[in-house]
Amino acid sequence: MNLTEQIRGNFPKTIDKSKPVFSSLIVNSNSDAAIQKQLVYLFDYMKEWISTPDIYEQTGTMLDKTVTFFSFLERFTDEKESSLKNRFAAIFIRNHDTKWGTPFDVKSVFKQYFPSATIYLVENVNKINSTEPGLANLLLDGDINTDTPSDWSLVNCSASPEARFSKAYGILFNQTEGELSQSVNVASESTYFLHFFLKGQTKVSIKDNNNKYWDFASKTWSNDVKKTLFSTDVKNTSGTITSYEWDNRSLYFITQATTSSVTITFEEYGVGNKAETNVVFTRSNDIEVLRTETIIPSGTRVKTSSNKVFITTQDAYIEPNHTESNEVNVIAENFGYDYQVAANTITIIDSSVPDEVISVDNSSQAIGGTFIDYFRLFAKQPYSSFTVIAHFEGNTASKAFGLAAGNADPNMETEESTPPQPRYGNYGYYDKSFLSGVPIGFASDIYEDLLDYLRAQGVRAFLDIVIKDYASND
């Protein structure tokens, strides 16, 4: 019995199945009645599914149907099937997470979609520039927009380009007893979330208008001074701190019935990051030497007259017909404020280098310490929320995001690159809504679509695109 006979058999014999209404709506011999067509489509689809149950082995129209059925994704013009499957897998395989709906899970999806950005996921905070009532950041100048931030009180610390997480400035703690504070009006008997980005160590205290301090450990207010320590240290297998890296940190506090304002204070604690600066190597101007290129390898040790050693992190090159190398980064051998040496003091080469290299110098001071930036304070909302922060460094306009079209997917393996490298030259797909950098309007659109798809029902999701643009500041 075929499908037409099955459908007709479900209706009593008293119904005239030749009538126009029945034949156009239910079933007819041409198989083009409205309900009949949908059932034919469904059974054909089921048959195809049974024959190819693995989505990632499907091809052609069947693959398009499956992706459309299970997600909001659509195949872009000329997009290869491998690229479509990769985007689909980023949502459903989720970096092989075994549970869905966790912060790590959402973060994994964004990392797979946008490999040029560092992705952070923060709960219970909103967009830093939200214009919705009650959702705005309560801290003024939370992104430190000037070198003299008047909304903050600074003691033994400064607004510095070296300390920025985004935009132009961050707060640099590079001397003892540094403090950064701001007072904010708050509502009584309410919950607030403080969030910031840190590279180093800091202690945070929250004091209310009654001179009581929030004790984060006991979740109560105390007459004694209470400070919470935060650190973003990276340790080796022996437990020794090897470096500090940017990461977000947060805490919450609950105001009392008599609370009308709080003062939030960040304090210097420990020495933070190792000091860094740039150096330039110089070689002799011998005619024979000038005809060649000189390479000073990464890992070369240089030092001051007081034996403060710095180590290069990249090769330095002196090109033919030049006597000076490009500027190269150097990092202090050890932690300590005493490595913040002045300009023109790193003048001794402490490693074996080519004989023609005769000197080294630093044109700027070495900077270390603790960096803090991108401060946010939000009142807890009656619903859950999270913010995805996509952090880009450098000239974002020249970076592709890992979505591309046709035969030139920038993340595919190529014969020229081993291991495979993104081919950022293929980022000009504006007309197809492909991403080529934060300034492109499509970026926010696709991020927002992805947020809508990933977030749980009833949970608000926000997006912050944060740019640390070296080109405009260094």
Protein backbone atom coordinates (compact mmCIF):
# COMPACT_ATOMS: atom_id res chain seq x y z
CA MET A 1 0.00 0.00 0.00
CA ASN A 2 1.50 3.32 -1.06
CA LEU A 3 1.21 6.64 0.78
CA THR A 4 -1.78 7.85 -1.29
CA GLU A 5 -3.74 4.70 -0.48
CA GLN A 6 -2.77 4.93 3.21
CA ILE A 7 -4.03 8.51 3.53
CA ARG A 8 -7.30 7.73 1.73
CA GLY A 9 -7.78 4.63 3.87
CA ASN A 10 -7.81 6.76 7.01
CA PHE A 11 -11.04 8.50 5.89
CA PRO A 12 -14.53 6.87 5.88
CA LYS A 13 -16.07 5.72 2.61
CA THR A 14 -18.89 8.26 3.01
CA ILE A 15 -16.44 11.10 2.16
CA ASP A 16 -16.20 11.84 -1.55
CA LYS A 17 -12.46 11.86 -2.09
CA SER A 18 -12.82 13.26 -5.60
CA LYS A 19 -14.20 16.56 -4.37
CA PRO A 20 -11.88 19.55 -5.08
CA VAL A 21 -11.51 20.49 -1.41
CA PHE A 22 -10.37 16.97 -0.42
CA SER A 23 -8.13 16.45 -3.44
CA SER A 24 -6.40 19.81 -3.11
CA LEU A 25 -6.01 19.75 0.67
CA ILE A 26 -5.66 16.07 1.69
CA VAL A 27 -4.57 13.76 -1.13
CA ASN A 28 -4.79 13.22 -4.89
CA SER A 29 -3.26 11.00 -7.54
CA ASN A 30 -0.77 13.71 -8.58
CA SER A 31 0.74 13.76 -5.03
CA ASP A 32 0.50 17.54 -4.85
CA ALA A 33 -2.24 18.03 -2.22
CA ALA A 34 -1.05 20.28 0.60
CA ILE A 35 -0.95 17.70 3.41
CA GLN A 36 0.14 14.92 1.06
CA LYS A 37 3.16 16.95 -0.16
CA GLN A 38 4.35 17.57 3.40
CA LEU A 39 4.02 13.90 4.29
CA VAL A 40 5.91 12.89 1.13
CA TYR A 41 8.66 15.34 2.10
CA LEU A 42 8.73 13.99 5.66
CA PHE A 43 8.91 10.33 4.63
CA ASP A 44 11.62 11.07 2.06
CA TYR A 45 13.54 12.98 4.71
CA MET A 46 13.19 10.11 7.18
CA LYS A 47 14.34 7.66 4.52
CA GLU A 48 17.43 9.76 3.83
CA TRP A 49 18.13 10.05 7.55
CA ILE A 50 17.96 6.28 7.97
CA SER A 51 20.41 5.81 5.11
CA THR A 52 22.85 8.48 6.45
CA PRO A 53 22.33 8.84 10.23
CA ASP A 54 25.66 10.60 10.80
CA ILE A 55 25.13 14.32 10.10
CA TYR A 56 28.81 14.81 9.36
CA GLU A 57 28.67 12.25 6.55
CA GLN A 58 25.70 13.90 4.86
CA THR A 59 26.18 15.96 1.73
CA GLY A 60 24.32 18.25 -0.64
CA THR A 61 20.68 19.11 -0.07
CA MET A 62 20.38 16.58 2.75
CA LEU A 63 23.11 18.33 4.73
CA ASP A 64 21.46 21.72 4.16
CA LYS A 65 18.11 20.35 5.36
CA THR A 66 19.63 18.89 8.51
CA VAL A 67 21.59 22.02 9.43
CA THR A 68 18.56 24.23 8.81
CA PHE A 69 16.31 21.89 10.79
CA PHE A 70 18.54 21.75 13.87
CA SER A 71 20.06 25.26 13.92
CA PHE A 72 19.81 28.83 12.69
CA LEU A 73 22.79 28.31 10.39
CA GLU A 74 22.53 28.75 6.64
CA ARG A 75 25.10 27.88 4.04
CA PHE A 76 26.80 30.99 2.73
CA THR A 77 27.18 31.51 -0.99
CA ASP A 78 29.89 29.18 -2.32
CA GLU A 79 30.65 27.90 1.17
CA LYS A 80 32.31 24.50 1.26
CA GLU A 81 30.53 21.68 3.06
CA SER A 82 33.51 21.24 5.38
CA SER A 83 33.16 24.84 6.57
CA LEU A 84 29.41 24.44 7.17
CA LYS A 85 29.99 21.23 9.10
CA ASN A 86 32.68 22.91 11.21
CA ARG A 87 30.33 25.73 12.14
CA PHE A 88 27.56 23.25 12.91
CA ALA A 89 29.92 21.14 15.02
CA ALA A 90 30.99 24.19 17.02
CA ILE A 91 27.45 24.43 18.33
CA PHE A 92 26.65 20.77 18.86
CA ILE A 93 29.95 19.00 19.55
CA ARG A 94 31.03 21.97 21.67
CA ASN A 95 34.68 21.02 21.96
CA HIS A 96 33.68 17.55 23.21
CA ASP A 97 32.00 18.89 26.35
CA THR A 98 29.79 16.25 27.89
CA LYS A 99 27.37 18.74 29.45
CA TRP A 100 25.58 21.63 27.79
CA GLY A 101 24.63 24.99 29.23
CA THR A 102 27.69 25.54 31.43
CA PRO A 103 29.90 28.65 31.23
CA PHE A 104 32.76 26.51 29.91
CA ASP A 105 30.50 25.11 27.24
CA VAL A 106 29.40 28.53 25.94
CA LYS A 107 32.99 29.74 26.03
CA SER A 108 34.13 26.74 23.98
CA VAL A 109 31.62 27.51 21.24
CA PHE A 110 32.80 31.09 20.89
CA LYS A 111 36.44 30.01 20.91
CA GLN A 112 35.77 27.60 18.04
CA TYR A 113 33.88 30.22 16.07
CA PHE A 114 36.27 33.11 16.59
CA PRO A 115 39.84 31.85 17.11
CA SER A 116 41.40 35.30 16.64
CA ALA A 117 39.80 36.54 19.87
CA THR A 118 40.43 35.59 23.47
CA ILE A 119 37.02 34.72 24.90
CA TYR A 120 35.97 35.40 28.49
CA LEU A 121 32.60 34.49 29.97
CA VAL A 122 31.36 36.52 32.93
CA GLU A 123 28.17 35.82 34.85
CA ASN A 124 25.80 38.33 36.45
CA VAL A 125 27.18 41.40 34.68
CA ASN A 126 25.97 43.40 31.71
CA LYS A 127 27.48 45.25 28.78
CA ILE A 128 29.77 47.99 29.99
CA ASN A 129 28.05 50.58 27.79
CA SER A 130 24.45 49.42 28.28
CA THR A 131 21.88 52.22 27.89
CA GLU A 132 18.99 50.28 29.41
CA PRO A 133 17.75 51.69 32.74
CA GLY A 134 19.24 49.86 35.68
CA LEU A 135 21.76 47.96 33.56
CA ALA A 136 24.49 50.59 33.23
CA ASN A 137 27.92 50.29 34.81
CA LEU A 138 27.89 52.16 38.13
CA LEU A 139 31.63 52.84 38.04
CA LEU A 140 32.54 55.98 36.11
CA ASP A 141 35.33 55.71 33.53
CA GLY A 142 35.39 51.93 33.92
CA ASP A 143 37.53 51.55 30.80
CA ILE A 144 40.11 54.26 31.79
CA ASN A 145 39.89 56.62 28.83
CA THR A 146 42.51 59.23 29.82
CA ASP A 147 45.93 59.38 31.43
CA THR A 148 44.41 61.45 34.27
CA PRO A 149 41.23 59.59 35.29
CA SER A 150 39.43 62.20 37.41
CA ASP A 151 36.63 59.83 38.46
CA TRP A 152 39.11 57.70 40.38
CA SER A 153 41.41 58.47 43.30
CA LEU A 154 44.98 57.33 42.55
CA VAL A 155 47.75 56.98 45.14
CA ASN A 156 51.15 55.61 44.08
CA CYS A 157 49.66 54.25 40.84
CA SER A 158 49.02 55.69 37.40
CA ALA A 159 47.00 55.36 34.21
CA SER A 160 49.37 53.77 31.72
CA PRO A 161 49.21 52.40 28.15
CA GLU A 162 51.39 49.47 29.26
CA ALA A 163 48.72 48.38 31.76
CA ARG A 164 45.71 48.44 29.44
CA PHE A 165 43.45 45.50 28.77
CA SER A 166 41.47 47.53 26.24
CA LYS A 167 41.55 50.89 24.50
CA ALA A 168 44.23 53.37 25.60
CA TYR A 169 44.92 53.03 29.32
CA GLY A 170 44.84 50.72 32.32
CA ILE A 171 45.91 51.20 35.93
CA LEU A 172 49.54 50.40 36.71
CA PHE A 173 50.68 49.44 40.22
CA ASN A 174 54.48 49.51 40.07
CA GLN A 175 55.42 50.84 43.48
CA THR A 176 54.59 50.01 47.07
CA GLU A 177 51.42 51.18 48.84
CA GLY A 178 49.56 51.91 45.62
CA GLU A 179 45.80 52.47 45.89
CA LEU A 180 42.98 53.04 43.41
CA SER A 181 39.48 53.85 44.67
CA GLN A 182 36.07 55.17 43.69
CA SER A 183 32.93 55.86 45.75
CA VAL A 184 29.54 54.86 44.35
CA ASN A 185 25.96 55.44 45.49
CA VAL A 186 24.08 52.17 45.97
CA ALA A 187 20.65 51.01 47.09
CA SER A 188 20.10 49.43 50.50
CA GLU A 189 19.55 45.70 50.92
CA SER A 190 20.65 44.96 47.35
CA THR A 191 23.19 42.68 45.71
CA TYR A 192 26.00 44.05 43.54
CA PHE A 193 28.64 42.39 41.39
CA LEU A 194 32.11 43.88 41.00
CA HIS A 195 34.09 42.69 37.99
CA PHE A 196 37.50 43.66 36.61
CA PHE A 197 40.39 42.37 34.49
CA LEU A 198 43.68 41.73 36.24
CA LYS A 199 47.24 40.82 35.32
CA GLY A 200 49.13 40.39 38.58
CA GLN A 201 47.93 40.58 42.18
CA THR A 202 45.69 42.98 44.06
CA LYS A 203 43.70 43.22 47.26
CA VAL A 204 40.18 44.62 47.10
CA SER A 205 38.25 46.21 49.94
CA ILE A 206 34.66 47.47 49.98
CA LYS A 207 33.77 49.98 52.72
CA ASP A 208 30.26 51.39 53.16
CA ASN A 209 29.10 54.78 54.46
CA ASN A 210 28.91 53.28 57.98
CA ASN A 211 32.66 52.52 57.90
CA LYS A 212 31.99 48.80 57.78
CA TYR A 213 33.92 46.45 55.49
CA TRP A 214 32.48 43.65 53.41
CA ASP A 215 33.92 40.30 54.49
CA PHE A 216 33.74 38.18 51.36
CA ALA A 217 34.69 35.01 53.26
CA SER A 218 31.80 35.18 55.74
CA LYS A 219 29.46 37.24 53.47
CA THR A 220 28.87 39.76 56.25
CA TRP A 221 29.85 43.34 57.11
CA SER A 222 32.59 43.81 59.69
CA ASN A 223 33.96 46.63 61.83
CA ASP A 224 37.46 45.36 61.02
CA VAL A 225 39.25 46.12 57.76
CA LYS A 226 38.69 43.24 55.35
CA LYS A 227 40.51 42.72 52.05
CA THR A 228 40.11 40.02 49.41
CA LEU A 229 43.21 38.87 47.53
CA PHE A 230 43.01 38.26 43.77
CA SER A 231 45.79 36.85 41.60
CA THR A 232 46.16 35.68 38.01
CA ASP A 233 49.40 33.80 38.51
CA VAL A 234 50.53 30.96 36.26
CA LYS A 235 52.48 28.22 38.02
CA ASN A 236 54.69 25.40 36.78
CA THR A 237 54.41 21.79 37.92
CA SER A 238 56.48 22.61 40.99
CA GLY A 239 54.05 25.30 42.08
CA THR A 240 56.43 28.15 41.27
CA ILE A 241 54.88 31.27 39.75
CA THR A 242 56.29 31.74 36.26
CA SER A 243 54.14 34.64 35.06
CA TYR A 244 50.88 36.53 35.40
CA GLU A 245 48.34 36.64 32.57
CA TRP A 246 45.21 38.68 31.90
CA ASP A 247 42.05 37.16 33.36
CA ASN A 248 38.78 38.40 34.81
CA ARG A 249 37.97 38.40 38.50
CA SER A 250 34.75 39.22 40.35
CA LEU A 251 33.06 39.30 43.73
CA TYR A 252 29.64 40.24 45.02
CA PHE A 253 28.43 42.10 48.09
CA ILE A 254 25.03 42.68 49.71
CA THR A 255 24.26 46.10 51.15
CA GLN A 256 22.64 46.63 54.54
CA ALA A 257 19.45 48.56 55.33
CA THR A 258 21.55 51.61 56.27
CA THR A 259 23.93 51.44 53.29
CA SER A 260 23.74 54.34 50.84
CA SER A 261 27.23 54.29 49.31
CA VAL A 262 30.38 52.19 49.11
CA THR A 263 34.01 52.91 48.40
CA ILE A 264 35.79 50.26 46.34
CA THR A 265 39.57 50.20 46.75
CA PHE A 266 42.19 48.23 44.82
CA GLU A 267 45.58 47.96 46.54
CA GLU A 268 49.06 47.06 45.41
CA TYR A 269 50.03 43.60 46.63
CA GLY A 270 53.28 41.88 45.71
CA VAL A 271 55.41 42.82 42.75
CA GLY A 272 53.14 41.56 39.96
CA ASN A 273 54.46 41.08 36.45
CA LYS A 274 58.12 40.98 35.50
CA ALA A 275 59.37 44.26 34.06
CA GLU A 276 59.51 44.55 30.26
CA THR A 277 60.91 46.97 27.71
CA ASN A 278 62.41 46.98 24.21
CA VAL A 279 66.06 47.01 23.21
CA VAL A 280 68.00 47.69 20.01
CA PHE A 281 71.29 45.97 19.13
CA THR A 282 74.03 47.76 17.20
CA ARG A 283 76.80 46.25 15.06
CA SER A 284 80.00 47.64 13.57
CA ASN A 285 79.88 49.59 10.33
CA ASP A 286 82.58 47.51 8.67
CA ILE A 287 81.95 47.39 4.92
CA GLU A 288 82.04 43.59 4.76
CA VAL A 289 79.66 43.32 7.73
CA LEU A 290 77.19 45.79 6.23
CA ARG A 291 76.73 43.56 3.18
CA THR A 292 75.13 40.79 5.26
CA GLU A 293 72.29 40.27 7.69
CA THR A 294 73.00 39.70 11.39
CA ILE A 295 70.65 37.72 13.64
CA ILE A 296 70.70 37.99 17.43
CA PRO A 297 68.72 34.97 18.67
CA SER A 298 65.80 34.99 21.06
CA GLY A 299 66.93 34.20 24.60
CA THR A 300 69.91 36.55 24.48
CA ARG A 301 70.73 37.95 27.93
CA VAL A 302 71.36 41.66 28.38
CA LYS A 303 71.82 43.56 31.62
CA THR A 304 72.42 46.83 33.41
CA SER A 305 75.60 47.89 35.18
CA SER A 306 73.88 46.81 38.42
CA ASN A 307 73.48 43.29 37.02
CA LYS A 308 69.73 43.42 36.43
CA VAL A 309 69.37 40.78 33.69
CA PHE A 310 66.75 40.90 30.92
CA ILE A 311 66.14 38.23 28.28
CA THR A 312 64.99 38.78 24.69
CA THR A 313 61.74 37.08 23.67
CA GLN A 314 62.30 37.16 19.90
CA ASP A 315 65.07 37.21 17.33
CA ALA A 316 66.57 40.59 16.48
CA TYR A 317 67.55 41.30 12.86
CA ILE A 318 70.05 43.79 11.49
CA GLU A 319 69.41 44.06 7.77
CA PRO A 320 72.07 44.62 5.11
CA ASN A 321 73.30 48.22 4.93
CA HIS A 322 72.04 48.88 8.48
CA THR A 323 73.87 49.05 11.79
CA GLU A 324 70.86 48.85 14.15
CA SER A 325 68.39 46.04 14.69
CA ASN A 326 64.64 46.23 15.00
CA GLU A 327 63.29 46.80 18.50
CA VAL A 328 62.83 43.54 20.39
CA ASN A 329 61.03 42.82 23.63
CA VAL A 330 63.01 41.86 26.75
CA ILE A 331 61.63 40.56 30.04
CA ALA A 332 63.32 40.73 33.44
CA GLU A 333 64.95 37.56 34.61
CA ASN A 334 63.20 37.78 37.99
CA PHE A 335 60.23 39.49 39.61
CA GLY A 336 60.83 42.77 41.43
CA TYR A 337 60.24 46.51 41.29
CA ASP A 338 64.01 47.05 41.12
CA TYR A 339 63.92 45.75 37.54
CA GLN A 340 62.00 48.86 36.45
CA VAL A 341 65.21 50.37 35.21
CA ALA A 342 65.36 53.71 33.42
CA ALA A 343 65.87 54.26 29.72
CA ASN A 344 69.41 53.81 28.36
CA THR A 345 70.55 51.61 31.24
CA ILE A 346 70.41 48.13 29.65
CA THR A 347 73.75 48.43 27.92
CA ILE A 348 75.63 45.17 28.52
CA ILE A 349 75.36 42.01 26.40
CA ASP A 350 75.59 38.96 28.65
CA SER A 351 75.37 36.19 26.00
CA SER A 352 77.36 34.95 23.05
CA VAL A 353 76.32 36.92 19.97
CA PRO A 354 77.87 37.42 16.51
CA ASP A 355 81.23 39.18 16.79
CA GLU A 356 80.06 42.22 14.84
CA VAL A 357 77.37 43.05 17.46
CA ILE A 358 78.98 45.67 19.67
CA SER A 359 76.27 47.20 21.87
CA VAL A 360 72.68 47.20 23.11
CA ASP A 361 70.41 49.89 24.56
CA ASN A 362 66.84 50.46 25.74
CA SER A 363 65.12 53.68 24.69
CA SER A 364 62.34 53.46 27.28
CA GLN A 365 61.93 52.51 30.94
CA ALA A 366 61.25 48.89 31.85
CA ILE A 367 57.70 48.54 33.22
CA GLY A 368 56.41 45.79 35.48
CA GLY A 369 53.96 45.46 38.36
CA THR A 370 50.22 44.77 38.43
CA PHE A 371 47.84 45.81 35.64
CA ILE A 372 44.09 46.36 36.23
CA ASP A 373 41.52 47.54 33.71
CA TYR A 374 37.92 47.30 32.49
CA PHE A 375 36.16 47.83 35.83
CA ARG A 376 32.44 47.13 36.13
CA LEU A 377 29.91 47.31 38.94
CA PHE A 378 26.34 46.17 38.38
CA ALA A 379 23.25 45.73 40.49
CA LYS A 380 22.00 42.14 40.42
CA GLN A 381 19.06 41.79 38.08
CA PRO A 382 15.93 39.70 38.85
CA TYR A 383 17.01 37.31 36.08
CA SER A 384 20.24 35.49 35.39
CA SER A 385 22.62 36.97 32.86
CA PHE A 386 26.06 36.52 31.36
CA THR A 387 28.35 38.54 29.13
CA VAL A 388 30.66 37.13 26.48
CA ILE A 389 33.76 39.32 26.22
CA ALA A 390 35.70 38.94 22.98
CA HIS A 391 39.15 40.46 23.39
CA PHE A 392 41.21 41.42 20.36
CA GLU A 393 44.80 42.62 20.39
CA GLY A 394 46.57 44.65 17.76
CA ASN A 395 45.22 45.79 14.42
CA THR A 396 41.93 43.92 14.33
CA ALA A 397 41.10 45.07 10.80
CA SER A 398 43.74 42.73 9.44
CA LYS A 399 42.58 39.67 11.36
CA ALA A 400 40.06 37.18 10.05
CA PHE A 401 37.85 35.41 12.55
CA GLY A 402 37.93 31.89 11.15
CA LEU A 403 34.72 32.05 9.11
CA ALA A 404 35.27 32.13 5.39
CA ALA A 405 33.80 31.01 2.12
CA GLY A 406 34.24 28.93 -0.97
CA ASN A 407 37.58 27.36 -1.72
CA ALA A 408 39.55 29.68 0.53
CA ASP A 409 38.65 28.81 4.09
CA PRO A 410 41.40 30.56 6.09
CA ASN A 411 41.62 27.78 8.69
CA MET A 412 42.11 24.91 6.28
CA GLU A 413 45.37 23.07 5.89
CA THR A 414 47.45 24.22 2.94
CA GLU A 415 50.45 22.80 1.17
CA GLU A 416 52.43 25.92 2.05
CA SER A 417 51.89 25.73 5.80
CA THR A 418 52.92 22.96 8.16
CA PRO A 419 51.34 22.92 10.66
CA PRO A 420 48.18 24.49 9.15
CA GLN A 421 47.95 28.22 9.59
CA PRO A 422 45.00 30.60 9.11
CA ARG A 423 45.21 32.35 5.75
CA TYR A 424 44.20 35.82 6.78
CA GLY A 425 44.39 37.14 3.24
CA ASN A 426 40.97 35.63 2.55
CA TYR A 427 38.93 37.90 4.78
CA GLY A 428 37.15 40.17 2.32
CA TYR A 429 33.67 38.65 2.32
CA TYR A 430 31.61 41.66 3.34
CA ASP A 431 28.74 40.90 0.94
CA LYS A 432 28.34 37.39 2.39
CA SER A 433 28.30 38.44 6.07
CA PHE A 434 31.71 36.95 6.75
CA LEU A 435 33.77 38.46 9.51
CA SER A 436 37.01 40.27 8.88
CA GLY A 437 37.55 42.25 12.06
CA VAL A 438 35.68 44.04 14.78
CA PRO A 439 35.00 47.24 12.78
CA ILE A 440 32.87 45.28 10.33
CA GLY A 441 29.20 45.61 11.26
CA PHE A 442 28.50 41.94 10.65
CA ALA A 443 30.61 40.99 13.68
CA SER A 444 28.07 42.08 16.26
CA ASP A 445 25.18 40.63 14.24
CA ILE A 446 26.65 37.13 14.10
CA TYR A 447 27.80 37.23 17.72
CA GLU A 448 24.32 38.29 18.83
CA ASP A 449 22.71 35.49 16.79
CA LEU A 450 25.03 32.99 18.41
CA LEU A 451 24.27 34.37 21.88
CA ASP A 452 20.53 34.06 21.26
CA TYR A 453 20.96 30.47 20.19
CA LEU A 454 23.24 29.37 23.03
CA ARG A 455 21.74 31.02 26.06
CA ALA A 456 19.25 29.16 28.23
CA GLN A 457 15.61 30.17 28.25
CA GLY A 458 15.03 33.19 30.50
CA VAL A 459 18.73 34.10 30.74
CA ARG A 460 19.88 37.44 29.38
CA ALA A 461 23.06 37.43 27.33
CA PHE A 462 25.29 40.35 26.43
CA LEU A 463 28.29 40.87 24.20
CA ASP A 464 31.33 43.10 24.73
CA ILE A 465 33.87 43.42 21.92
CA VAL A 466 37.04 44.72 23.54
CA ILE A 467 39.94 46.02 21.47
CA LYS A 468 43.50 46.53 22.65
CA ASP A 469 44.84 48.38 19.65
CA TYR A 470 48.61 48.65 19.80
CA ALA A 471 48.84 50.58 16.55
CA SER A 472 47.15 53.70 17.87
CA ASN A 473 48.98 53.93 21.17
CA ASP A 474 52.48 52.48 20.99
